[in-house]
Protein backbone atom coordinates (compact mmCIF):
# COMPACT_ATOMS: atom_id res chain seq x y z
CA MET A 1 1.17 20.79 11.11
CA GLN A 2 0.99 17.18 9.79
CA THR A 3 4.08 15.36 8.70
CA ILE A 4 4.50 12.53 6.19
CA LEU A 5 7.60 10.21 6.92
CA GLY A 6 8.82 8.98 3.65
CA ALA A 7 7.28 11.41 1.17
CA GLY A 8 7.43 10.89 -2.52
CA GLY A 9 5.80 7.49 -2.91
CA ILE A 10 2.42 6.76 -4.51
CA ILE A 11 0.62 6.35 -1.09
CA ALA A 12 2.35 9.41 0.17
CA ASN A 13 1.40 11.42 -2.86
CA GLU A 14 -2.07 10.42 -2.43
CA LEU A 15 -2.10 10.92 1.20
CA VAL A 16 -0.79 14.73 0.96
CA ARG A 17 -3.56 15.87 -1.58
CA GLU A 18 -6.17 14.49 0.65
CA LEU A 19 -4.44 16.03 3.86
CA ARG A 20 -5.28 19.67 2.46
CA THR A 21 -9.01 18.95 3.68
CA TYR A 22 -7.93 18.86 7.26
CA THR A 23 -4.93 21.19 7.55
CA GLU A 24 -3.03 23.88 5.57
CA LYS A 25 0.24 22.97 7.17
CA VAL A 26 1.71 19.69 5.67
CA ARG A 27 5.53 18.81 5.99
CA LEU A 28 6.99 16.41 3.19
CA VAL A 29 10.07 14.41 4.68
CA SER A 30 12.24 12.38 2.82
CA ARG A 31 15.90 12.37 2.03
CA ASN A 32 15.06 14.67 -1.16
CA PRO A 33 11.37 15.65 -0.92
CA VAL A 34 9.45 17.43 -3.45
CA ARG A 35 6.16 19.18 -3.14
CA VAL A 36 3.12 17.79 -4.31
CA ASN A 37 1.06 21.20 -3.53
CA GLU A 38 2.25 24.66 -3.72
CA ALA A 39 2.13 25.38 0.08
CA ASP A 40 3.58 22.07 1.19
CA GLN A 41 6.72 22.27 3.37
CA THR A 42 9.60 20.03 2.65
CA PHE A 43 12.15 19.01 5.23
CA SER A 44 15.31 16.69 4.17
CA ALA A 45 15.98 14.15 6.70
CA ASP A 46 17.32 10.21 6.92
CA LEU A 47 15.02 8.51 9.21
CA LEU A 48 17.77 5.95 10.02
CA ASP A 49 19.10 8.76 12.07
CA LEU A 50 17.19 9.40 15.44
CA GLY A 51 18.21 13.09 15.75
CA GLN A 52 17.12 14.07 12.25
CA THR A 53 13.80 12.19 12.87
CA LYS A 54 13.04 14.21 15.85
CA ASN A 55 14.08 17.35 14.03
CA ALA A 56 11.43 16.38 11.32
CA LEU A 57 8.55 16.15 13.51
CA LYS A 58 9.16 19.19 15.81
CA GLY A 59 5.78 21.15 15.74
CA SER A 60 3.79 18.27 14.24
CA THR A 61 0.65 17.00 15.87
CA VAL A 62 0.34 13.85 13.54
CA ALA A 63 2.93 11.88 11.74
CA TYR A 64 2.05 9.24 8.90
CA LEU A 65 4.87 6.90 8.25
CA THR A 66 4.72 5.57 4.61
CA VAL A 67 8.41 5.14 3.88
CA GLY A 68 9.16 2.41 1.54
CA PHE A 69 12.57 0.74 1.13
CA ARG A 70 14.28 -1.32 -1.70
CA TYR A 71 12.59 -4.61 -2.03
CA LYS A 72 15.66 -6.40 -0.78
CA LEU A 73 15.85 -8.56 2.40
CA LYS A 74 19.27 -7.08 3.46
CA VAL A 75 17.82 -3.63 3.39
CA TRP A 76 14.62 -4.40 5.16
CA GLU A 77 16.49 -6.39 7.95
CA LYS A 78 18.59 -3.07 8.87
CA ALA A 79 16.36 -0.42 8.09
CA TRP A 80 12.66 -1.21 9.27
CA PRO A 81 13.57 -1.78 12.91
CA GLN A 82 15.81 1.09 13.10
CA VAL A 83 13.30 3.37 11.59
CA MET A 84 10.42 1.99 13.63
CA ASN A 85 12.45 2.40 16.72
CA ASN A 86 13.48 6.08 15.89
CA VAL A 87 9.79 7.01 14.94
CA ILE A 88 8.15 5.72 17.99
CA GLU A 89 10.84 7.40 20.11
CA ALA A 90 10.60 10.78 18.25
CA CYS A 91 6.74 10.59 18.38
CA ARG A 92 6.83 10.12 22.02
CA GLU A 93 9.29 12.92 22.89
CA GLU A 94 7.57 15.30 20.42
CA ASN A 95 3.89 14.39 21.62
CA VAL A 96 3.05 13.39 18.03
CA LYS A 97 0.18 11.05 16.95
CA LEU A 98 1.34 8.39 14.73
CA VAL A 99 -0.24 6.83 11.69
CA PHE A 100 1.33 3.57 10.42
CA PHE A 101 0.66 2.49 6.95
CA ASP A 102 1.09 -1.28 6.91
CA ASN A 103 0.79 -4.37 4.87
CA VAL A 104 -0.54 -8.02 5.11
CA TYR A 105 2.91 -9.78 4.99
CA MET A 106 2.73 -10.87 8.73
CA TYR A 107 -0.73 -12.61 8.39
CA ASP A 108 -1.13 -16.37 8.70
CA PRO A 109 -1.20 -17.91 5.30
CA LYS A 110 -3.84 -20.08 6.19
CA CYS A 111 -6.29 -17.13 7.05
CA MET A 112 -5.52 -15.01 3.61
CA GLY A 113 -9.05 -16.20 2.30
CA HIS A 114 -10.79 -13.90 4.76
CA MET A 115 -8.32 -11.38 6.23
CA THR A 116 -9.54 -9.04 8.82
CA GLU A 117 -8.02 -6.79 11.58
CA ASP A 118 -8.20 -9.64 13.91
CA THR A 119 -6.04 -12.32 11.46
CA PRO A 120 -3.14 -13.74 13.51
CA PHE A 121 0.32 -12.82 12.89
CA ARG A 122 2.16 -16.41 11.43
CA PRO A 123 4.57 -15.04 8.78
CA ILE A 124 6.21 -17.78 6.86
CA SER A 125 8.58 -15.23 4.83
CA LYS A 126 11.55 -13.39 6.05
CA LYS A 127 10.21 -10.15 5.01
CA GLY A 128 6.74 -11.24 7.00
CA HIS A 129 8.93 -11.90 9.91
CA ILE A 130 10.31 -8.19 9.55
CA ARG A 131 6.90 -6.60 9.30
CA ALA A 132 5.43 -8.70 12.19
CA LYS A 133 8.51 -7.44 14.13
CA ILE A 134 8.07 -3.78 13.68
CA THR A 135 4.35 -3.96 13.76
CA GLU A 136 4.42 -5.85 17.41
CA LEU A 137 6.93 -3.21 18.55
CA LEU A 138 4.37 -0.49 17.87
CA LEU A 139 1.49 -2.59 19.26
CA GLU A 140 3.37 -3.00 22.46
CA HIS A 141 4.44 0.58 22.99
CA ILE A 142 0.57 1.58 22.22
CA ALA A 143 -0.45 -1.20 24.88
CA LYS A 144 1.74 0.54 27.36
CA GLY A 145 0.55 3.94 26.63
CA ASN A 146 3.80 5.34 25.51
CA ILE A 147 2.36 6.38 22.06
CA ASN A 148 -1.07 7.39 20.54
CA ALA A 149 -0.93 5.39 17.46
CA LEU A 150 -2.90 3.54 14.74
CA ILE A 151 -2.24 0.93 12.02
CA ALA A 152 -3.70 1.72 8.56
CA ARG A 153 -3.38 -1.58 6.80
CA SER A 154 -3.42 -2.17 2.91
CA ALA A 155 -3.89 -5.10 0.60
CA ASP A 156 -1.58 -5.28 -2.36
CA PHE A 157 -2.60 -1.82 -4.34
CA TYR A 158 -3.27 -0.47 -7.70
CA GLY A 159 -4.18 2.98 -8.91
CA PRO A 160 -3.99 5.73 -11.53
CA SER A 161 -0.23 6.18 -11.84
CA ILE A 162 1.76 4.69 -14.42
CA SER A 163 4.95 5.05 -12.00
CA LEU A 164 3.19 2.76 -9.66
CA LYS A 165 5.22 -0.19 -8.96
CA SER A 166 2.68 -2.73 -8.29
CA LEU A 167 2.27 -6.51 -9.51
CA LEU A 168 -0.89 -5.46 -11.13
CA THR A 169 0.58 -2.67 -13.08
CA GLU A 170 3.55 -4.46 -14.21
CA MET A 171 1.96 -7.94 -15.07
CA VAL A 172 -1.30 -6.74 -16.35
CA PHE A 173 -2.02 -3.13 -17.14
CA LYS A 174 1.31 -2.27 -18.96
CA PRO A 175 1.46 -5.38 -21.13
CA LEU A 176 -2.10 -5.29 -22.30
CA SER A 177 -1.78 -1.70 -22.98
CA LYS A 178 0.80 -2.57 -25.73
CA SER A 179 -1.18 -5.64 -26.91
CA ASN A 180 1.17 -8.15 -25.26
CA SER A 181 0.27 -10.99 -23.23
CA ALA A 182 -0.54 -10.28 -19.69
CA LYS A 183 1.16 -12.11 -16.63
CA TRP A 184 0.12 -13.75 -13.45
CA LEU A 185 1.72 -15.62 -10.65
CA ALA A 186 1.19 -19.21 -9.51
CA ASP A 187 -2.49 -19.81 -10.13
CA PRO A 188 -5.01 -17.48 -12.02
CA HIS A 189 -7.97 -19.09 -10.80
CA GLN A 190 -7.67 -17.53 -7.21
CA ALA A 191 -9.29 -14.29 -6.22
CA HIS A 192 -7.07 -11.54 -5.38
CA SER A 193 -7.87 -8.25 -3.54
CA PHE A 194 -6.07 -5.05 -4.53
CA THR A 195 -6.67 -1.60 -2.60
CA TYR A 196 -7.17 1.41 -4.80
CA THR A 197 -4.57 4.15 -4.05
CA PRO A 198 -6.96 7.15 -3.76
CA ASP A 199 -9.15 5.18 -1.48
CA ALA A 200 -6.13 4.19 0.48
CA GLY A 201 -4.93 7.97 0.68
CA LYS A 202 -8.37 9.37 1.51
CA ALA A 203 -8.92 6.90 4.17
CA THR A 204 -5.49 7.37 5.91
CA ALA A 205 -5.99 11.01 6.16
CA LEU A 206 -9.37 10.23 7.56
CA LEU A 207 -8.07 7.99 10.15
CA GLY A 208 -5.22 10.35 11.07
CA ASN A 209 -7.87 13.25 11.68
CA THR A 210 -10.28 10.98 13.62
CA PRO A 211 -9.11 10.92 17.49
CA ASP A 212 -11.39 7.90 18.30
CA ALA A 213 -9.64 6.01 15.53
CA PHE A 214 -6.43 5.72 17.27
CA ASN A 215 -4.95 2.92 19.30
CA GLN A 216 -6.82 0.39 16.87
CA THR A 217 -5.72 -1.37 13.56
CA TRP A 218 -7.82 -0.53 10.48
CA HIS A 219 -8.02 -2.10 7.24
CA LEU A 220 -8.15 0.26 4.52
CA PRO A 221 -11.26 0.36 2.16
CA THR A 222 -10.93 -2.13 -0.48
CA ALA A 223 -13.94 -3.54 -2.73
CA PRO A 224 -15.31 -6.95 -1.85
CA LYS A 225 -15.71 -9.90 -4.01
CA PRO A 226 -12.45 -9.44 -5.81
CA PRO A 227 -11.70 -10.94 -9.22
CA THR A 228 -9.55 -13.95 -9.93
CA GLY A 229 -6.35 -13.58 -11.87
CA LYS A 230 -7.95 -14.60 -14.92
CA GLU A 231 -10.75 -12.19 -14.29
CA TRP A 232 -8.44 -9.31 -13.82
CA VAL A 233 -6.77 -9.89 -17.24
CA HIS A 234 -10.07 -10.26 -18.65
CA MET A 235 -11.69 -7.11 -17.47
CA VAL A 236 -8.52 -4.82 -18.00
CA ALA A 237 -8.35 -6.40 -21.73
CA LYS A 238 -11.80 -5.74 -22.34
CA GLU A 239 -11.60 -2.09 -21.26
CA MET A 240 -8.87 -1.40 -23.25
CA GLY A 241 -10.27 -3.20 -26.30
CA ASN A 242 -7.62 -5.75 -26.48
CA ILE A 243 -7.39 -9.56 -26.38
CA PRO A 244 -7.07 -10.93 -22.92
CA LYS A 245 -3.92 -13.15 -23.46
CA TYR A 246 -2.15 -13.99 -20.43
CA GLN A 247 0.79 -16.49 -19.35
CA VAL A 248 1.04 -17.99 -16.07
CA ILE A 249 4.57 -17.82 -14.38
CA PRO A 250 4.88 -20.91 -12.21
CA LYS A 251 6.27 -21.12 -8.64
CA TRP A 252 9.34 -23.15 -9.58
CA PHE A 253 10.21 -20.53 -12.22
CA PHE A 254 11.16 -17.86 -9.45
CA LYS A 255 13.54 -20.29 -7.57
CA THR A 256 15.44 -21.12 -10.94
CA SER A 257 15.51 -17.53 -12.31
CA GLY A 258 16.38 -16.23 -8.89
CA VAL A 259 19.77 -17.56 -9.26
CA PHE A 260 20.33 -15.14 -12.28
CA VAL A 261 17.79 -12.17 -11.37
CA PRO A 262 18.05 -10.97 -7.84
CA PHE A 263 14.84 -9.53 -7.86
CA MET A 264 13.03 -12.90 -8.72
CA LYS A 265 14.82 -14.20 -5.58
CA GLU A 266 13.61 -11.50 -3.56
CA LEU A 267 9.78 -12.01 -4.63
CA SER A 268 9.94 -16.11 -4.51
CA GLU A 269 9.09 -16.20 -0.91
CA MET A 270 5.74 -13.94 -1.45
CA ILE A 271 4.39 -16.31 -4.10
CA TYR A 272 2.09 -18.11 -1.47
CA GLN A 273 -0.11 -14.99 -1.87
CA TYR A 274 -0.91 -15.89 -5.31
CA ASP A 275 -1.66 -19.61 -4.93
CA ARG A 276 -4.43 -19.23 -2.53
CA PRO A 277 -7.53 -16.85 -2.32
CA TYR A 278 -6.33 -13.26 -1.03
CA ILE A 279 -9.36 -11.59 0.17
CA PHE A 280 -9.16 -8.36 2.40
CA ASP A 281 -12.13 -7.51 4.68
CA SER A 282 -12.46 -3.80 5.07
CA SER A 283 -15.83 -3.71 6.64
CA LYS A 284 -14.86 -2.20 9.80
CA PHE A 285 -13.80 1.05 8.10
CA GLU A 286 -16.68 1.09 5.71
CA GLU A 287 -19.21 0.60 8.44
CA LEU A 288 -18.06 3.05 10.72
CA PHE A 289 -17.14 5.90 8.02
CA PHE A 290 -20.00 5.11 5.72
CA PHE A 291 -17.30 4.76 3.15
CA LYS A 292 -17.87 2.81 -0.16
CA PRO A 293 -14.80 1.49 -1.76
CA THR A 294 -13.96 2.15 -5.57
CA SER A 295 -15.31 -0.98 -7.41
CA TYR A 296 -12.82 -3.01 -9.37
CA LEU A 297 -14.48 -2.07 -12.78
CA GLU A 298 -14.30 1.65 -11.84
CA GLY A 299 -10.99 1.59 -10.74
CA ILE A 300 -9.89 -0.25 -13.84
CA ARG A 301 -11.59 2.37 -16.15
CA ARG A 302 -9.89 5.35 -14.18
CA ILE A 303 -6.44 3.97 -14.29
CA ILE A 304 -6.89 3.37 -18.24
CA ARG A 305 -8.26 7.02 -18.59
CA SER A 306 -5.31 8.55 -16.49
CA ASP A 307 -2.63 6.45 -17.91
CA HIS A 308 -3.52 5.31 -21.40
CA PRO A 309 -5.73 7.98 -22.38
CA SER A 310 -5.57 6.59 -26.05
CA LEU A 311 -7.00 3.63 -24.94
CA VAL A 312 -10.31 5.09 -23.44
CA LYS A 313 -13.24 3.90 -25.20
CA HIS A 314 -16.86 5.48 -25.62
CA LYS A 315 -19.77 3.17 -24.51
CA ASP A 316 -23.08 4.21 -25.15
CA ASP A 317 -21.72 7.91 -25.83
CA LEU A 318 -20.37 8.02 -22.12
CA LEU A 319 -17.08 8.63 -21.37
CA TYR A 320 -15.50 6.58 -18.46
CA THR A 321 -15.15 8.94 -15.25
């Protein structure tokens, strides 16, 4: 039995489809889980409760922590440390290996131009401090031998789902699909990596089923040489057959609008990721597993085909695949 803690999100859904390659028994855990595959087991549990977390993991061999919380600091401050403590304790007691799906919020902003698994933790945002705290807690338990776990870390992500709540989807794909102006944050001339969600799901499943991958941190496969914000807009617009119009949202706007729009206030502390190069190196994973990440152009084409089929174009009589 392999169990996904935090079922229902984009990454969890990609992961459960890939896990069918390795096991016929997959358990989906959330407050209101819904099957992705017909044979999936569902288990309703609140991961903020240790007893429910333990019950959710009974009989499991591997657990994948992919839970996502509302993008609000007060929620993160309470929920993340409690869930990480509960999951570590439950995995330890039930003898379950853990795969933690992580992000880059804790990385030193000065090192974002070339992020590797060895990039130091020096967060400058409050959310980054929370992510550093829970990741360091897990690493401490791994070092002490209390738990057999690995960290699967992703850059910002994008993928073929209109429900995907990523900045790239909201700022670029959706506006351009309606012939409106795209938007970019801070500086459109900075390169920005994005991890393609089907690649992330496939790689996370592979890591969870590779015994030698545990007790390490892994960057999930992400295409090299990322486009700048301006290039992202031009690439998406070209594939949609639309004009590459875009507006730049300056950093000061978030502080001003945050007074009236709570989400803008929550996002404002993360704008530093868009005012400098954001380049995610996944060569460790690619070289060991002989995995070639989906190219940015191919990812864009698949998203358009999946989410905006009316915009799919013919080029040289070949459909995008």
